[in-house]
Structures are given as structure tokens and as C-alpha cells.
Amino acid sequence: MNDDISGNTSPTEATTDWTRLNDMSDAEIHEAVANNPDILPTDESFWSTARVVMPKPKETVTIRLDADLLAWFRTERGYQTRINAILRAYMHANVNQRR
């Protein structure tokens, strides 16, 4: 088996200012988190029922798709993940129709 990485990768621009973050104290980080309206605080009761869910392993397959369909999916990053999500939604919608 070949250990080479296949496929194309897209370089991404980092959006985190790691230098600024590394220079912040724990108190400054806590304050920034507390003042962020997109972050909801959690407490012990929130975590009491939490469990680790490991992702299901992916399987590499070869599939033939129409070129225009594949081009449409490839216009955004994560196209394989989106294709997987669409197929999963279709599977869940039709799970009881299998004979």
C-alpha cells in the first residue's frame, strides 16, 4: 500500500491571532469569553450527561459523478463532507422504505 497523500489541498489563512492569545493572561481570556455573546456558559449539570462520541470511520470509494455536479460541490471547501451529509440525510429520510 502506498503511503503517499493523494488529492488536492487548499491552503487556508489562519484567522487566530496566536501571538495576542499567547500574551493574554488567564483572567483576560476568561473575561473575553464571558463578554462574548456567542458563547453560552456551562456548569457542572451541563457536563454531567456529556459523553465522548467517536466519529465513524470513513471508507474510501470511487464513484462516478456528472462533471457539472462535482464542479458545483467543489465551489466550496469541505465538498466531500457536504456530499456525505446529503447522502446521510437521504438515507435517514428513506430508512423505512428499504425492503
Protein backbone atom coordinates (compact mmCIF):
# COMPACT_ATOMS: atom_id res chain seq x y z
CA MET A 1 0.00 0.00 0.00
CA ASN A 2 1.26 3.46 -0.86
CA ASP A 3 1.63 5.99 1.98
CA ASP A 4 1.53 9.00 -0.36
CA ILE A 5 -1.15 11.60 0.30
CA SER A 6 -3.49 11.94 -2.63
CA GLY A 7 -5.85 14.71 -3.64
CA ASN A 8 -5.57 18.46 -3.67
CA THR A 9 -5.40 20.57 -0.57
CA SER A 10 -6.39 24.19 -0.23
CA PRO A 11 -4.17 26.47 1.79
CA THR A 12 -6.15 28.25 4.46
CA GLU A 13 -5.41 31.56 6.05
CA ALA A 14 -5.19 31.45 9.83
CA THR A 15 -7.75 33.70 11.49
CA THR A 16 -6.49 33.27 15.05
CA ASP A 17 -4.01 35.82 16.37
CA TRP A 18 -1.91 33.29 18.28
CA THR A 19 0.65 35.87 19.39
CA ARG A 20 -2.05 38.01 21.00
CA LEU A 21 -3.66 34.95 22.58
CA ASN A 22 -0.34 33.71 23.98
CA ASP A 23 0.26 37.14 25.51
CA MET A 24 -3.12 37.16 27.31
CA SER A 25 -3.42 36.14 30.95
CA ASP A 26 -5.94 33.52 32.06
CA ALA A 27 -8.05 36.32 33.56
CA GLU A 28 -8.06 38.22 30.25
CA ILE A 29 -9.08 35.10 28.35
CA HIS A 30 -11.85 34.38 30.88
CA GLU A 31 -13.10 37.97 30.56
CA ALA A 32 -13.08 37.79 26.75
CA VAL A 33 -15.06 34.55 26.84
CA ALA A 34 -17.53 35.94 29.41
CA ASN A 35 -18.14 39.03 27.26
CA ASN A 36 -18.65 37.11 24.01
CA PRO A 37 -22.40 36.93 23.23
CA ASP A 38 -21.89 33.83 21.05
CA ILE A 39 -20.54 31.74 23.92
CA LEU A 40 -23.04 30.24 26.35
CA PRO A 41 -21.73 29.48 29.85
CA THR A 42 -21.79 25.89 31.07
CA ASP A 43 -21.86 24.44 34.56
CA GLU A 44 -21.47 21.02 36.17
CA SER A 45 -25.05 19.99 35.29
CA PHE A 46 -24.35 20.66 31.61
CA TRP A 47 -21.37 18.30 31.65
CA SER A 48 -22.92 15.64 33.90
CA THR A 49 -24.58 13.88 30.96
CA ALA A 50 -21.86 14.61 28.40
CA ARG A 51 -20.27 11.66 26.67
CA VAL A 52 -17.50 11.23 24.15
CA VAL A 53 -18.80 10.22 20.74
CA MET A 54 -16.14 8.96 18.39
CA PRO A 55 -16.74 9.65 14.70
CA LYS A 56 -17.48 6.70 12.49
CA PRO A 57 -14.56 5.81 10.24
CA LYS A 58 -14.79 6.87 6.63
CA GLU A 59 -14.29 4.46 3.77
CA THR A 60 -12.56 5.49 0.57
CA VAL A 61 -14.64 4.76 -2.51
CA THR A 62 -14.55 5.56 -6.18
CA ILE A 63 -17.77 6.98 -7.55
CA ARG A 64 -18.60 8.39 -10.97
CA LEU A 65 -20.44 11.72 -10.81
CA ASP A 66 -21.52 14.13 -13.52
CA ALA A 67 -18.79 16.72 -14.06
CA ASP A 68 -21.11 19.69 -13.55
CA LEU A 69 -22.44 18.21 -10.31
CA LEU A 70 -18.96 17.67 -8.93
CA ALA A 71 -17.87 21.15 -10.07
CA TRP A 72 -20.81 22.64 -8.19
CA PHE A 73 -19.89 20.83 -4.97
CA ARG A 74 -16.22 21.79 -5.34
CA THR A 75 -17.01 25.52 -5.36
CA GLU A 76 -16.74 25.49 -1.55
CA ARG A 77 -14.35 23.88 0.89
CA GLY A 78 -15.49 20.65 2.52
CA TYR A 79 -17.36 19.37 -0.51
CA GLN A 80 -16.82 15.72 0.41
CA THR A 81 -18.26 16.35 3.87
CA ARG A 82 -21.29 18.07 2.30
CA ILE A 83 -21.83 15.19 -0.13
CA ASN A 84 -21.65 12.78 2.84
CA ALA A 85 -24.19 14.87 4.80
CA ILE A 86 -26.60 14.98 1.85
CA LEU A 87 -26.36 11.22 1.34
CA ARG A 88 -26.86 10.66 5.09
CA ALA A 89 -29.96 12.90 5.11
CA TYR A 90 -31.34 10.95 2.14
CA MET A 91 -30.61 7.67 3.93
CA HIS A 92 -32.41 8.82 7.10
CA ALA A 93 -35.38 10.09 5.10
CA ASN A 94 -35.72 6.75 3.32
CA VAL A 95 -34.63 4.28 6.00
CA ASN A 96 -38.11 2.76 6.35
CA GLN A 97 -38.62 2.39 2.60
CA ARG A 98 -35.99 -0.34 2.24
CA ARG A 99 -37.34 -3.85 1.72
